[in-house]
C-alpha atoms as a PDB file:
ATOM      1  CA  UNK A   1       0.215   0.255   0.285  1.00  0.00           C
ATOM      2  CA  UNK A   2       1.145   3.413  -0.782  1.00  0.00           C
ATOM      3  CA  UNK A   3       0.009   6.986  -1.073  1.00  0.00           C
ATOM      4  CA  UNK A   4      -0.977   6.640  -4.864  1.00  0.00           C
ATOM      5  CA  UNK A   5      -3.292   3.563  -4.380  1.00  0.00           C
ATOM      6  CA  UNK A   6      -5.751   5.872  -1.719  1.00  0.00           C
ATOM      7  CA  UNK A   7      -7.746   9.117  -2.092  1.00  0.00           C
ATOM      8  CA  UNK A   8      -5.995  11.812  -1.360  1.00  0.00           C
ATOM      9  CA  UNK A   9      -8.219  13.740   0.850  1.00  0.00           C
ATOM     10  CA  UNK A  10      -8.709  10.777   3.176  1.00  0.00           C
ATOM     11  CA  UNK A  11      -4.889  10.345   3.169  1.00  0.00           C
ATOM     12  CA  UNK A  12      -4.582  13.809   4.361  1.00  0.00           C
ATOM     13  CA  UNK A  13      -7.504  13.615   6.544  1.00  0.00           C
ATOM     14  CA  UNK A  14      -6.050  10.347   8.146  1.00  0.00           C
ATOM     15  CA  UNK A  15      -2.213  11.683   8.534  1.00  0.00           C
ATOM     16  CA  UNK A  16      -3.924  14.888  10.344  1.00  0.00           C
ATOM     17  CA  UNK A  17      -5.284  13.048  13.155  1.00  0.00           C
ATOM     18  CA  UNK A  18      -2.107  10.726  13.695  1.00  0.00           C
ATOM     19  CA  UNK A  19      -0.481  14.176  13.407  1.00  0.00           C
ATOM     20  CA  UNK A  20      -2.430  15.269  16.542  1.00  0.00           C
ATOM     21  CA  UNK A  21      -0.709  12.517  18.563  1.00  0.00           C
ATOM     22  CA  UNK A  22       2.765  13.138  17.388  1.00  0.00           C
ATOM     23  CA  UNK A  23       4.143  15.420  20.331  1.00  0.00           C
ATOM     24  CA  UNK A  24       6.530  17.665  18.353  1.00  0.00           C
ATOM     25  CA  UNK A  25       3.765  18.884  15.881  1.00  0.00           C
ATOM     26  CA  UNK A  26       1.890  21.276  17.974  1.00  0.00           C
ATOM     27  CA  UNK A  27      -0.340  24.145  16.849  1.00  0.00           C
ATOM     28  CA  UNK A  28       1.194  27.342  17.756  1.00  0.00           C
ATOM     29  CA  UNK A  29      -0.856  29.862  19.712  1.00  0.00           C
ATOM     30  CA  UNK A  30      -0.505  32.824  17.070  1.00  0.00           C
ATOM     31  CA  UNK A  31      -1.940  30.235  14.185  1.00  0.00           C
ATOM     32  CA  UNK A  32      -5.396  30.979  15.850  1.00  0.00           C
ATOM     33  CA  UNK A  33      -4.971  34.542  13.959  1.00  0.00           C
ATOM     34  CA  UNK A  34      -3.105  34.204  10.859  1.00  0.00           C
ATOM     35  CA  UNK A  35      -4.157  33.955   7.150  1.00  0.00           C
ATOM     36  CA  UNK A  36      -2.775  30.835   5.022  1.00  0.00           C
ATOM     37  CA  UNK A  37      -1.901  33.472   2.867  1.00  0.00           C
ATOM     38  CA  UNK A  38      -1.829  36.962   1.129  1.00  0.00           C
ATOM     39  CA  UNK A  39      -4.607  36.217  -1.107  1.00  0.00           C
ATOM     40  CA  UNK A  40      -6.836  34.944   1.509  1.00  0.00           C
ATOM     41  CA  UNK A  41      -9.034  37.565   3.489  1.00  0.00           C
ATOM     42  CA  UNK A  42     -10.021  35.716   6.776  1.00  0.00           C
ATOM     43  CA  UNK A  43      -8.215  32.472   8.852  1.00  0.00           C
ATOM     44  CA  UNK A  44      -9.192  29.307   8.295  1.00  0.00           C
ATOM     45  CA  UNK A  45     -12.092  28.410   9.786  1.00  0.00           C
ATOM     46  CA  UNK A  46     -11.257  24.757  11.178  1.00  0.00           C
ATOM     47  CA  UNK A  47      -9.594  24.647  14.552  1.00  0.00           C
ATOM     48  CA  UNK A  48      -7.487  21.780  13.819  1.00  0.00           C
ATOM     49  CA  UNK A  49      -6.253  23.235  10.040  1.00  0.00           C
ATOM     50  CA  UNK A  50      -2.591  23.258  11.410  1.00  0.00           C
ATOM     51  CA  UNK A  51      -2.819  19.230  11.405  1.00  0.00           C
ATOM     52  CA  UNK A  52      -4.339  19.159   8.018  1.00  0.00           C
ATOM     53  CA  UNK A  53      -1.522  21.826   6.371  1.00  0.00           C
ATOM     54  CA  UNK A  54       1.413  19.318   7.883  1.00  0.00           C
ATOM     55  CA  UNK A  55      -0.036  16.292   6.709  1.00  0.00           C
ATOM     56  CA  UNK A  56      -0.392  18.099   3.059  1.00  0.00           C
ATOM     57  CA  UNK A  57       2.958  19.332   3.161  1.00  0.00           C
ATOM     58  CA  UNK A  58       4.341  15.807   4.584  1.00  0.00           C
ATOM     59  CA  UNK A  59       2.265  14.171   1.305  1.00  0.00           C
ATOM     60  CA  UNK A  60       4.189  16.571  -0.751  1.00  0.00           C
ATOM     61  CA  UNK A  61       7.463  16.104   0.246  1.00  0.00           C
ATOM     62  CA  UNK A  62       6.741  12.288  -0.125  1.00  0.00           C
ATOM     63  CA  UNK A  63       6.082  12.757  -3.885  1.00  0.00           C
ATOM     64  CA  UNK A  64       8.478  15.740  -4.990  1.00  0.00           C
ATOM     65  CA  UNK A  65      11.458  14.760  -3.163  1.00  0.00           C
ATOM     66  CA  UNK A  66      13.950  17.754  -2.102  1.00  0.00           C
ATOM     67  CA  UNK A  67      11.727  20.545  -2.169  1.00  0.00           C
ATOM     68  CA  UNK A  68      11.816  23.952  -0.273  1.00  0.00           C
ATOM     69  CA  UNK A  69      10.011  26.502   0.984  1.00  0.00           C
ATOM     70  CA  UNK A  70       9.501  28.729  -1.947  1.00  0.00           C
ATOM     71  CA  UNK A  71       8.462  25.624  -4.018  1.00  0.00           C
ATOM     72  CA  UNK A  72       6.031  24.923  -1.269  1.00  0.00           C
ATOM     73  CA  UNK A  73       4.866  28.459  -1.057  1.00  0.00           C
ATOM     74  CA  UNK A  74       3.794  28.284  -4.693  1.00  0.00           C
ATOM     75  CA  UNK A  75       1.797  24.704  -4.102  1.00  0.00           C
ATOM     76  CA  UNK A  76      -0.354  26.327  -1.720  1.00  0.00           C
ATOM     77  CA  UNK A  77      -1.132  29.764  -3.606  1.00  0.00           C
ATOM     78  CA  UNK A  78      -4.383  31.544  -3.663  1.00  0.00           C
ATOM     79  CA  UNK A  79      -6.222  33.864  -5.752  1.00  0.00           C
ATOM     80  CA  UNK A  80      -6.764  37.482  -4.311  1.00  0.00           C
ATOM     81  CA  UNK A  81     -10.620  38.974  -5.133  1.00  0.00           C
ATOM     82  CA  UNK A  82      -9.789  42.140  -6.503  1.00  0.00           C
ATOM     83  CA  UNK A  83     -12.958  43.665  -6.977  1.00  0.00           C
ATOM     84  CA  UNK A  84     -14.052  44.720 -10.416  1.00  0.00           C
ATOM     85  CA  UNK A  85     -10.315  44.244 -11.619  1.00  0.00           C
ATOM     86  CA  UNK A  86      -8.775  40.749 -12.731  1.00  0.00           C
ATOM     87  CA  UNK A  87      -8.369  38.198  -9.944  1.00  0.00           C
ATOM     88  CA  UNK A  88      -4.451  37.757  -9.044  1.00  0.00           C
ATOM     89  CA  UNK A  89      -2.460  35.010  -7.743  1.00  0.00           C
ATOM     90  CA  UNK A  90      -0.342  34.914  -4.659  1.00  0.00           C
ATOM     91  CA  UNK A  91       1.758  32.655  -3.199  1.00  0.00           C
ATOM     92  CA  UNK A  92       0.972  31.036   0.333  1.00  0.00           C
ATOM     93  CA  UNK A  93       2.400  31.520   3.863  1.00  0.00           C
ATOM     94  CA  UNK A  94       5.921  31.274   4.350  1.00  0.00           C
ATOM     95  CA  UNK A  95       5.680  31.688   8.296  1.00  0.00           C
ATOM     96  CA  UNK A  96       3.135  28.825   8.502  1.00  0.00           C
ATOM     97  CA  UNK A  97       5.066  26.465   6.063  1.00  0.00           C
ATOM     98  CA  UNK A  98       8.652  27.126   7.780  1.00  0.00           C
ATOM     99  CA  UNK A  99       7.053  26.426  11.086  1.00  0.00           C
ATOM    100  CA  UNK A 100       5.724  23.236  10.036  1.00  0.00           C
ATOM    101  CA  UNK A 101       8.730  21.981   8.184  1.00  0.00           C
ATOM    102  CA  UNK A 102      10.529  22.551  11.431  1.00  0.00           C
ATOM    103  CA  UNK A 103       8.156  20.515  13.818  1.00  0.00           C
ATOM    104  CA  UNK A 104       7.961  17.449  11.084  1.00  0.00           C
ATOM    105  CA  UNK A 105      12.155  17.808  11.675  1.00  0.00           C
ATOM    106  CA  UNK A 106      11.862  17.812  15.050  1.00  0.00           C
ATOM    107  CA  UNK A 107       9.604  14.824  15.025  1.00  0.00           C
ATOM    108  CA  UNK A 108      12.083  12.926  12.480  1.00  0.00           C
ATOM    109  CA  UNK A 109       9.639  12.826   9.710  1.00  0.00           C
ATOM    110  CA  UNK A 110      11.655  14.683   7.205  1.00  0.00           C
ATOM    111  CA  UNK A 111      15.369  15.921   6.828  1.00  0.00           C
ATOM    112  CA  UNK A 112      17.112  18.156   4.691  1.00  0.00           C
ATOM    113  CA  UNK A 113      19.152  16.785   1.916  1.00  0.00           C
ATOM    114  CA  UNK A 114      20.605  17.737  -1.640  1.00  0.00           C
ATOM    115  CA  UNK A 115      20.296  15.438  -4.538  1.00  0.00           C
ATOM    116  CA  UNK A 116      22.593  16.729  -7.454  1.00  0.00           C
ATOM    117  CA  UNK A 117      21.480  20.581  -7.883  1.00  0.00           C
ATOM    118  CA  UNK A 118      18.218  20.124  -5.698  1.00  0.00           C
ATOM    119  CA  UNK A 119      18.407  20.913  -2.359  1.00  0.00           C
ATOM    120  CA  UNK A 120      15.541  20.715   0.649  1.00  0.00           C
ATOM    121  CA  UNK A 121      13.360  18.480   2.644  1.00  0.00           C
ATOM    122  CA  UNK A 122      13.037  14.862   1.982  1.00  0.00           C
ATOM    123  CA  UNK A 123      10.819  12.264   3.937  1.00  0.00           C
ATOM    124  CA  UNK A 124      12.937  10.244   6.068  1.00  0.00           C
ATOM    125  CA  UNK A 125      12.296   6.305   6.626  1.00  0.00           C
ATOM    126  CA  UNK A 126      10.021   7.005   9.573  1.00  0.00           C
ATOM    127  CA  UNK A 127       7.802   9.453   8.029  1.00  0.00           C
ATOM    128  CA  UNK A 128       7.214   7.310   5.179  1.00  0.00           C
ATOM    129  CA  UNK A 129       6.279   4.516   7.164  1.00  0.00           C
ATOM    130  CA  UNK A 130       4.159   7.121   9.057  1.00  0.00           C
ATOM    131  CA  UNK A 131       2.035   7.790   5.597  1.00  0.00           C
ATOM    132  CA  UNK A 132       1.984   4.026   4.566  1.00  0.00           C
ATOM    133  CA  UNK A 133       0.665   3.020   7.887  1.00  0.00           C
ATOM    134  CA  UNK A 134      -2.022   5.874   7.282  1.00  0.00           C
ATOM    135  CA  UNK A 135      -2.637   4.240   4.055  1.00  0.00           C
ATOM    136  CA  UNK A 136      -2.990   0.755   5.384  1.00  0.00           C
ATOM    137  CA  UNK A 137      -5.614   2.228   8.009  1.00  0.00           C
ATOM    138  CA  UNK A 138      -7.845   3.432   5.075  1.00  0.00           C
ATOM    139  CA  UNK A 139      -7.752   0.271   2.920  1.00  0.00           C
END
């Protein structure tokens, strides 16, 4: 069973529930007030959005290999409503992504590595088994 065999939304929800039990991954106090990007008007409505985003980031790192904050910000972009003007695309919040990456590194689910010209975070065997275990629970 791998992450490619199950529904993405179900996997992220299952992994988010499992991340709530991990000691190193905790929602900071300031996360209640922040938006997830410049293009958003309000903070997320879900109380546990931090764990959902952390599970989503972990899945993205599993799939895309060494990936950094800039590429992850581009993956979590959003369109801003400019009124009568055309919409504009903005990147996601870098602070949120950096904090999640630091927490996932502390939990030893990801690590920093270089592969050729590319450098960034990659998933560790512990992180891979964490997501594979979530996949097995879904099936």
